[in-house]
Amino acid sequence: MGDYNINLHDSDNLKNVVNDSEAVTLTAGFFPLISTHTYHKPYCRPSCIDNIFTNDIDTVQMSGTTSGSPSHHYPVFQFLI
């Protein structure tokens, strides 16, 4: 898990960077668990730059983000079985 600073929702200028990073991650056998925005600053477009990756998707019961953080970053979480 971490702050990767590659916005998985960016479909503009960095599309190649997003596609390349996803290809490397998936080829290595890891899957992103977060698909909603994780960073939102006033007057800016929300982005998905914080993520959790797993190579054992069958053990993931739930994952997501929580709101109410004093930071612009929304906390990410996962529950495993």
PDB file of N, CA and C in Angstrom:
ATOM      1  N   MET A   1       0.850  -1.161   0.000  1.00  0.00           N
ATOM      2  CA  MET A   1       0.000   0.000   0.000  1.00  0.00           C
ATOM      3  C   MET A   1       0.892   1.219   0.000  1.00  0.00           C
ATOM      4  N   GLY A   2       0.379   2.315  -0.521  1.00  0.00           N
ATOM      5  CA  GLY A   2       1.190   3.517  -0.504  1.00  0.00           C
ATOM      6  C   GLY A   2       0.650   4.628  -1.371  1.00  0.00           C
ATOM      7  N   ASP A   3       1.390   5.719  -1.392  1.00  0.00           N
ATOM      8  CA  ASP A   3       1.086   6.902  -2.185  1.00  0.00           C
ATOM      9  C   ASP A   3       1.985   6.829  -3.416  1.00  0.00           C
ATOM     10  N   TYR A   4       1.431   6.373  -4.527  1.00  0.00           N
ATOM     11  CA  TYR A   4       2.231   6.107  -5.715  1.00  0.00           C
ATOM     12  C   TYR A   4       2.364   7.295  -6.651  1.00  0.00           C
ATOM     13  N   ASN A   5       1.518   8.309  -6.467  1.00  0.00           N
ATOM     14  CA  ASN A   5       1.542   9.519  -7.285  1.00  0.00           C
ATOM     15  C   ASN A   5       1.390   9.253  -8.775  1.00  0.00           C
ATOM     16  N   ILE A   6       0.753   8.156  -9.107  1.00  0.00           N
ATOM     17  CA  ILE A   6       0.319   7.903 -10.480  1.00  0.00           C
ATOM     18  C   ILE A   6      -1.196   7.837 -10.409  1.00  0.00           C
ATOM     19  N   ASN A   7      -1.845   8.836 -10.961  1.00  0.00           N
ATOM     20  CA  ASN A   7      -3.293   8.933 -10.885  1.00  0.00           C
ATOM     21  C   ASN A   7      -3.929   7.925 -11.839  1.00  0.00           C
ATOM     22  N   LEU A   8      -4.482   6.862 -11.284  1.00  0.00           N
ATOM     23  CA  LEU A   8      -5.093   5.827 -12.118  1.00  0.00           C
ATOM     24  C   LEU A   8      -6.342   6.314 -12.848  1.00  0.00           C
ATOM     25  N   HIS A   9      -6.848   7.479 -12.477  1.00  0.00           N
ATOM     26  CA  HIS A   9      -8.018   8.042 -13.161  1.00  0.00           C
ATOM     27  C   HIS A   9      -7.626   9.036 -14.254  1.00  0.00           C
ATOM     28  N   ASP A  10      -6.348   9.291 -14.446  1.00  0.00           N
ATOM     29  CA  ASP A  10      -5.900  10.276 -15.426  1.00  0.00           C
ATOM     30  C   ASP A  10      -5.997   9.703 -16.835  1.00  0.00           C
ATOM     31  N   SER A  11      -6.829  10.297 -17.627  1.00  0.00           N
ATOM     32  CA  SER A  11      -6.994   9.820 -19.008  1.00  0.00           C
ATOM     33  C   SER A  11      -6.456  10.836 -20.009  1.00  0.00           C
ATOM     34  N   ASP A  12      -5.738  11.836 -19.502  1.00  0.00           N
ATOM     35  CA  ASP A  12      -5.232  12.889 -20.384  1.00  0.00           C
ATOM     36  C   ASP A  12      -3.764  12.669 -20.727  1.00  0.00           C
ATOM     37  N   ASN A  13      -2.923  13.579 -20.298  1.00  0.00           N
ATOM     38  CA  ASN A  13      -1.517  13.603 -20.705  1.00  0.00           C
ATOM     39  C   ASN A  13      -0.712  12.392 -20.266  1.00  0.00           C
ATOM     40  N   LEU A  14      -1.006  11.835 -19.102  1.00  0.00           N
ATOM     41  CA  LEU A  14      -0.178  10.758 -18.567  1.00  0.00           C
ATOM     42  C   LEU A  14      -0.729   9.380 -18.869  1.00  0.00           C
ATOM     43  N   LYS A  15      -1.571   9.277 -19.873  1.00  0.00           N
ATOM     44  CA  LYS A  15      -2.207   7.999 -20.163  1.00  0.00           C
ATOM     45  C   LYS A  15      -1.179   6.882 -20.341  1.00  0.00           C
ATOM     46  N   ASN A  16      -0.087   7.148 -21.020  1.00  0.00           N
ATOM     47  CA  ASN A  16       0.932   6.113 -21.218  1.00  0.00           C
ATOM     48  C   ASN A  16       1.561   5.694 -19.903  1.00  0.00           C
ATOM     49  N   VAL A  17       1.797   6.638 -19.000  1.00  0.00           N
ATOM     50  CA  VAL A  17       2.367   6.317 -17.690  1.00  0.00           C
ATOM     51  C   VAL A  17       1.402   5.438 -16.907  1.00  0.00           C
ATOM     52  N   VAL A  18       0.125   5.778 -16.934  1.00  0.00           N
ATOM     53  CA  VAL A  18      -0.891   4.991 -16.229  1.00  0.00           C
ATOM     54  C   VAL A  18      -0.967   3.583 -16.819  1.00  0.00           C
ATOM     55  N   ASN A  19      -1.033   3.483 -18.136  1.00  0.00           N
ATOM     56  CA  ASN A  19      -1.102   2.167 -18.790  1.00  0.00           C
ATOM     57  C   ASN A  19       0.145   1.341 -18.509  1.00  0.00           C
ATOM     58  N   ASP A  20       1.318   1.967 -18.568  1.00  0.00           N
ATOM     59  CA  ASP A  20       2.567   1.251 -18.313  1.00  0.00           C
ATOM     60  C   ASP A  20       2.647   0.761 -16.872  1.00  0.00           C
ATOM     61  N   SER A  21       2.267   1.611 -15.921  1.00  0.00           N
ATOM     62  CA  SER A  21       2.340   1.197 -14.517  1.00  0.00           C
ATOM     63  C   SER A  21       1.345   0.078 -14.227  1.00  0.00           C
ATOM     64  N   GLU A  22       0.154   0.152 -14.805  1.00  0.00           N
ATOM     65  CA  GLU A  22      -0.822  -0.929 -14.621  1.00  0.00           C
ATOM     66  C   GLU A  22      -0.320  -2.222 -15.254  1.00  0.00           C
ATOM     67  N   ALA A  23       0.293  -2.133 -16.420  1.00  0.00           N
ATOM     68  CA  ALA A  23       0.809  -3.331 -17.090  1.00  0.00           C
ATOM     69  C   ALA A  23       1.908  -3.990 -16.266  1.00  0.00           C
ATOM     70  N   VAL A  24       2.815  -3.207 -15.712  1.00  0.00           N
ATOM     71  CA  VAL A  24       3.897  -3.752 -14.878  1.00  0.00           C
ATOM     72  C   VAL A  24       3.318  -4.420 -13.632  1.00  0.00           C
ATOM     73  N   THR A  25       2.383  -3.748 -12.988  1.00  0.00           N
ATOM     74  CA  THR A  25       1.768  -4.284 -11.767  1.00  0.00           C
ATOM     75  C   THR A  25       1.028  -5.584 -12.046  1.00  0.00           C
ATOM     76  N   LEU A  26       0.185  -5.591 -13.064  1.00  0.00           N
ATOM     77  CA  LEU A  26      -0.599  -6.784 -13.386  1.00  0.00           C
ATOM     78  C   LEU A  26       0.298  -7.929 -13.867  1.00  0.00           C
ATOM     79  N   THR A  27       1.330  -7.609 -14.636  1.00  0.00           N
ATOM     80  CA  THR A  27       2.254  -8.637 -15.108  1.00  0.00           C
ATOM     81  C   THR A  27       2.987  -9.297 -13.941  1.00  0.00           C
ATOM     82  N   ALA A  28       3.246  -8.527 -12.894  1.00  0.00           N
ATOM     83  CA  ALA A  28       3.915  -9.067 -11.705  1.00  0.00           C
ATOM     84  C   ALA A  28       2.951  -9.853 -10.816  1.00  0.00           C
ATOM     85  N   GLY A  29       1.669  -9.868 -11.184  1.00  0.00           N
ATOM     86  CA  GLY A  29       0.694 -10.644 -10.424  1.00  0.00           C
ATOM     87  C   GLY A  29       0.015  -9.892  -9.299  1.00  0.00           C
ATOM     88  N   PHE A  30       0.088  -8.568  -9.329  1.00  0.00           N
ATOM     89  CA  PHE A  30      -0.563  -7.759  -8.299  1.00  0.00           C
ATOM     90  C   PHE A  30      -1.776  -7.046  -8.878  1.00  0.00           C
ATOM     91  N   PHE A  31      -2.789  -6.863  -8.034  1.00  0.00           N
ATOM     92  CA  PHE A  31      -4.041  -6.248  -8.449  1.00  0.00           C
ATOM     93  C   PHE A  31      -4.349  -5.061  -7.546  1.00  0.00           C
ATOM     94  N   PRO A  32      -4.750  -3.908  -8.125  1.00  0.00           N
ATOM     95  CA  PRO A  32      -5.115  -2.766  -7.294  1.00  0.00           C
ATOM     96  C   PRO A  32      -6.472  -3.005  -6.632  1.00  0.00           C
ATOM     97  N   LEU A  33      -6.582  -2.628  -5.368  1.00  0.00           N
ATOM     98  CA  LEU A  33      -7.833  -2.816  -4.636  1.00  0.00           C
ATOM     99  C   LEU A  33      -8.667  -1.548  -4.542  1.00  0.00           C
ATOM    100  N   ILE A  34      -8.109  -0.408  -4.860  1.00  0.00           N
ATOM    101  CA  ILE A  34      -8.814   0.860  -4.720  1.00  0.00           C
ATOM    102  C   ILE A  34      -9.134   1.400  -6.114  1.00  0.00           C
ATOM    103  N   SER A  35     -10.410   1.714  -6.344  1.00  0.00           N
ATOM    104  CA  SER A  35     -10.808   2.233  -7.653  1.00  0.00           C
ATOM    105  C   SER A  35     -11.504   3.590  -7.548  1.00  0.00           C
ATOM    106  N   THR A  36     -11.686   4.095  -6.350  1.00  0.00           N
ATOM    107  CA  THR A  36     -12.301   5.409  -6.163  1.00  0.00           C
ATOM    108  C   THR A  36     -11.214   6.442  -5.914  1.00  0.00           C
ATOM    109  N   HIS A  37     -11.585   7.724  -5.920  1.00  0.00           N
ATOM    110  CA  HIS A  37     -10.558   8.741  -5.697  1.00  0.00           C
ATOM    111  C   HIS A  37     -10.087   8.701  -4.238  1.00  0.00           C
ATOM    112  N   THR A  38      -8.802   8.954  -4.059  1.00  0.00           N
ATOM    113  CA  THR A  38      -8.179   8.886  -2.739  1.00  0.00           C
ATOM    114  C   THR A  38      -7.571  10.219  -2.333  1.00  0.00           C
ATOM    115  N   TYR A  39      -7.593  11.174  -3.232  1.00  0.00           N
ATOM    116  CA  TYR A  39      -7.013  12.487  -2.951  1.00  0.00           C
ATOM    117  C   TYR A  39      -7.927  13.534  -3.563  1.00  0.00           C
ATOM    118  N   HIS A  40      -8.272  14.531  -2.754  1.00  0.00           N
ATOM    119  CA  HIS A  40      -9.101  15.610  -3.276  1.00  0.00           C
ATOM    120  C   HIS A  40      -8.729  16.897  -2.579  1.00  0.00           C
ATOM    121  N   LYS A  41      -8.296  17.847  -3.362  1.00  0.00           N
ATOM    122  CA  LYS A  41      -7.936  19.167  -2.878  1.00  0.00           C
ATOM    123  C   LYS A  41      -8.959  20.142  -3.452  1.00  0.00           C
ATOM    124  N   PRO A  42      -9.419  21.123  -2.671  1.00  0.00           N
ATOM    125  CA  PRO A  42     -10.401  22.075  -3.199  1.00  0.00           C
ATOM    126  C   PRO A  42      -9.947  22.696  -4.516  1.00  0.00           C
ATOM    127  N   TYR A  43     -10.869  22.807  -5.433  1.00  0.00           N
ATOM    128  CA  TYR A  43     -10.667  23.396  -6.753  1.00  0.00           C
ATOM    129  C   TYR A  43      -9.764  22.556  -7.663  1.00  0.00           C
ATOM    130  N   CYS A  44      -9.525  21.319  -7.305  1.00  0.00           N
ATOM    131  CA  CYS A  44      -8.736  20.407  -8.144  1.00  0.00           C
ATOM    132  C   CYS A  44      -9.561  19.167  -8.447  1.00  0.00           C
ATOM    133  N   ARG A  45      -9.201  18.481  -9.493  1.00  0.00           N
ATOM    134  CA  ARG A  45      -9.875  17.240  -9.861  1.00  0.00           C
ATOM    135  C   ARG A  45      -9.480  16.132  -8.888  1.00  0.00           C
ATOM    136  N   PRO A  46     -10.435  15.343  -8.398  1.00  0.00           N
ATOM    137  CA  PRO A  46     -10.081  14.207  -7.527  1.00  0.00           C
ATOM    138  C   PRO A  46      -9.202  13.207  -8.283  1.00  0.00           C
ATOM    139  N   SER A  47      -8.344  12.514  -7.544  1.00  0.00           N
ATOM    140  CA  SER A  47      -7.452  11.559  -8.184  1.00  0.00           C
ATOM    141  C   SER A  47      -7.316  10.294  -7.348  1.00  0.00           C
ATOM    142  N   CYS A  48      -6.847   9.240  -7.980  1.00  0.00           N
ATOM    143  CA  CYS A  48      -6.608   7.954  -7.320  1.00  0.00           C
ATOM    144  C   CYS A  48      -5.104   7.704  -7.316  1.00  0.00           C
ATOM    145  N   ILE A  49      -4.418   8.237  -6.272  1.00  0.00           N
ATOM    146  CA  ILE A  49      -2.958   8.108  -6.200  1.00  0.00           C
ATOM    147  C   ILE A  49      -2.502   7.236  -5.037  1.00  0.00           C
ATOM    148  N   ASP A  50      -3.386   6.905  -4.127  1.00  0.00           N
ATOM    149  CA  ASP A  50      -3.056   6.036  -2.998  1.00  0.00           C
ATOM    150  C   ASP A  50      -3.718   4.693  -3.260  1.00  0.00           C
ATOM    151  N   ASN A  51      -2.973   3.620  -3.108  1.00  0.00           N
ATOM    152  CA  ASN A  51      -3.566   2.337  -3.443  1.00  0.00           C
ATOM    153  C   ASN A  51      -3.012   1.224  -2.584  1.00  0.00           C
ATOM    154  N   ILE A  52      -3.700   0.113  -2.622  1.00  0.00           N
ATOM    155  CA  ILE A  52      -3.266  -1.125  -1.998  1.00  0.00           C
ATOM    156  C   ILE A  52      -3.241  -2.157  -3.121  1.00  0.00           C
ATOM    157  N   PHE A  53      -2.132  -2.861  -3.226  1.00  0.00           N
ATOM    158  CA  PHE A  53      -2.012  -3.915  -4.231  1.00  0.00           C
ATOM    159  C   PHE A  53      -1.889  -5.257  -3.519  1.00  0.00           C
ATOM    160  N   THR A  54      -2.468  -6.287  -4.111  1.00  0.00           N
ATOM    161  CA  THR A  54      -2.379  -7.623  -3.535  1.00  0.00           C
ATOM    162  C   THR A  54      -2.080  -8.640  -4.618  1.00  0.00           C
ATOM    163  N   ASN A  55      -1.427  -9.712  -4.214  1.00  0.00           N
ATOM    164  CA  ASN A  55      -1.216 -10.819  -5.144  1.00  0.00           C
ATOM    165  C   ASN A  55      -2.047 -12.029  -4.724  1.00  0.00           C
ATOM    166  N   ASP A  56      -2.922 -11.837  -3.753  1.00  0.00           N
ATOM    167  CA  ASP A  56      -3.820 -12.898  -3.283  1.00  0.00           C
ATOM    168  C   ASP A  56      -5.230 -12.332  -3.157  1.00  0.00           C
ATOM    169  N   ILE A  57      -5.858 -12.106  -4.281  1.00  0.00           N
ATOM    170  CA  ILE A  57      -7.170 -11.445  -4.324  1.00  0.00           C
ATOM    171  C   ILE A  57      -8.254 -12.257  -3.611  1.00  0.00           C
ATOM    172  N   ASP A  58      -8.078 -13.562  -3.506  1.00  0.00           N
ATOM    173  CA  ASP A  58      -9.092 -14.409  -2.870  1.00  0.00           C
ATOM    174  C   ASP A  58      -9.221 -14.163  -1.374  1.00  0.00           C
ATOM    175  N   THR A  59      -8.207 -13.579  -0.741  1.00  0.00           N
ATOM    176  CA  THR A  59      -8.280 -13.333   0.702  1.00  0.00           C
ATOM    177  C   THR A  59      -8.871 -11.975   1.044  1.00  0.00           C
ATOM    178  N   VAL A  60      -9.138 -11.141   0.042  1.00  0.00           N
ATOM    179  CA  VAL A  60      -9.656  -9.796   0.291  1.00  0.00           C
ATOM    180  C   VAL A  60     -11.169  -9.859   0.476  1.00  0.00           C
ATOM    181  N   GLN A  61     -11.608  -9.451   1.646  1.00  0.00           N
ATOM    182  CA  GLN A  61     -13.035  -9.425   1.948  1.00  0.00           C
ATOM    183  C   GLN A  61     -13.654  -8.083   1.538  1.00  0.00           C
ATOM    184  N   MET A  62     -12.924  -6.991   1.812  1.00  0.00           N
ATOM    185  CA  MET A  62     -13.431  -5.661   1.511  1.00  0.00           C
ATOM    186  C   MET A  62     -12.254  -4.700   1.432  1.00  0.00           C
ATOM    187  N   SER A  63     -12.372  -3.689   0.578  1.00  0.00           N
ATOM    188  CA  SER A  63     -11.375  -2.628   0.512  1.00  0.00           C
ATOM    189  C   SER A  63     -12.065  -1.348   0.096  1.00  0.00           C
ATOM    190  N   GLY A  64     -11.446  -0.219   0.408  1.00  0.00           N
ATOM    191  CA  GLY A  64     -12.048   1.046   0.036  1.00  0.00           C
ATOM    192  C   GLY A  64     -11.347   2.224   0.667  1.00  0.00           C
ATOM    193  N   THR A  65     -12.050   3.340   0.735  1.00  0.00           N
ATOM    194  CA  THR A  65     -11.543   4.563   1.343  1.00  0.00           C
ATOM    195  C   THR A  65     -12.530   5.035   2.401  1.00  0.00           C
ATOM    196  N   THR A  66     -12.044   5.866   3.305  1.00  0.00           N
ATOM    197  CA  THR A  66     -12.917   6.473   4.304  1.00  0.00           C
ATOM    198  C   THR A  66     -12.834   7.976   4.175  1.00  0.00           C
ATOM    199  N   SER A  67     -13.903   8.656   4.501  1.00  0.00           N
ATOM    200  CA  SER A  67     -13.909  10.119   4.430  1.00  0.00           C
ATOM    201  C   SER A  67     -13.738  10.693   5.830  1.00  0.00           C
ATOM    202  N   GLY A  68     -13.656  11.983   5.906  1.00  0.00           N
ATOM    203  CA  GLY A  68     -13.541  12.635   7.193  1.00  0.00           C
ATOM    204  C   GLY A  68     -12.114  12.847   7.654  1.00  0.00           C
ATOM    205  N   SER A  69     -11.156  12.647   6.785  1.00  0.00           N
ATOM    206  CA  SER A  69      -9.755  12.836   7.141  1.00  0.00           C
ATOM    207  C   SER A  69      -9.421  14.322   7.177  1.00  0.00           C
ATOM    208  N   PRO A  70      -8.574  14.761   8.113  1.00  0.00           N
ATOM    209  CA  PRO A  70      -8.161  16.172   8.122  1.00  0.00           C
ATOM    210  C   PRO A  70      -7.207  16.491   6.963  1.00  0.00           C
ATOM    211  N   SER A  71      -6.720  15.469   6.295  1.00  0.00           N
ATOM    212  CA  SER A  71      -5.796  15.617   5.172  1.00  0.00           C
ATOM    213  C   SER A  71      -6.569  15.596   3.859  1.00  0.00           C
ATOM    214  N   HIS A  72      -5.899  15.940   2.777  1.00  0.00           N
ATOM    215  CA  HIS A  72      -6.501  15.824   1.445  1.00  0.00           C
ATOM    216  C   HIS A  72      -6.494  14.381   0.965  1.00  0.00           C
ATOM    217  N   HIS A  73      -5.704  13.528   1.621  1.00  0.00           N
ATOM    218  CA  HIS A  73      -5.652  12.108   1.294  1.00  0.00           C
ATOM    219  C   HIS A  73      -6.709  11.369   2.103  1.00  0.00           C
ATOM    220  N   TYR A  74      -7.520  10.571   1.433  1.00  0.00           N
ATOM    221  CA  TYR A  74      -8.496   9.740   2.132  1.00  0.00           C
ATOM    222  C   TYR A  74      -7.802   8.439   2.546  1.00  0.00           C
ATOM    223  N   PRO A  75      -7.953   8.007   3.785  1.00  0.00           N
ATOM    224  CA  PRO A  75      -7.341   6.755   4.205  1.00  0.00           C
ATOM    225  C   PRO A  75      -7.897   5.573   3.388  1.00  0.00           C
ATOM    226  N   VAL A  76      -7.012   4.649   3.036  1.00  0.00           N
ATOM    227  CA  VAL A  76      -7.404   3.442   2.309  1.00  0.00           C
ATOM    228  C   VAL A  76      -7.356   2.265   3.302  1.00  0.00           C
ATOM    229  N   PHE A  77      -8.178   1.250   3.055  1.00  0.00           N
ATOM    230  CA  PHE A  77      -8.187   0.095   3.943  1.00  0.00           C
ATOM    231  C   PHE A  77      -8.484  -1.186   3.176  1.00  0.00           C
ATOM    232  N   GLN A  78      -8.169  -2.309   3.803  1.00  0.00           N
ATOM    233  CA  GLN A  78      -8.563  -3.614   3.286  1.00  0.00           C
ATOM    234  C   GLN A  78      -8.805  -4.531   4.462  1.00  0.00           C
ATOM    235  N   PHE A  79      -9.767  -5.429   4.321  1.00  0.00           N
ATOM    236  CA  PHE A  79     -10.028  -6.477   5.290  1.00  0.00           C
ATOM    237  C   PHE A  79      -9.779  -7.800   4.602  1.00  0.00           C
ATOM    238  N   LEU A  80      -9.030  -8.663   5.260  1.00  0.00           N
ATOM    239  CA  LEU A  80      -8.704  -9.981   4.720  1.00  0.00           C
ATOM    240  C   LEU A  80      -9.450 -11.055   5.506  1.00  0.00           C
ATOM    241  N   ILE A  81      -9.673 -12.203   4.859  1.00  0.00           N
ATOM    242  CA  ILE A  81     -10.273 -13.322   5.573  1.00  0.00           C
ATOM    243  C   ILE A  81      -9.182 -14.245   6.061  1.00  0.00           C
TER     244      ILE A  81
END
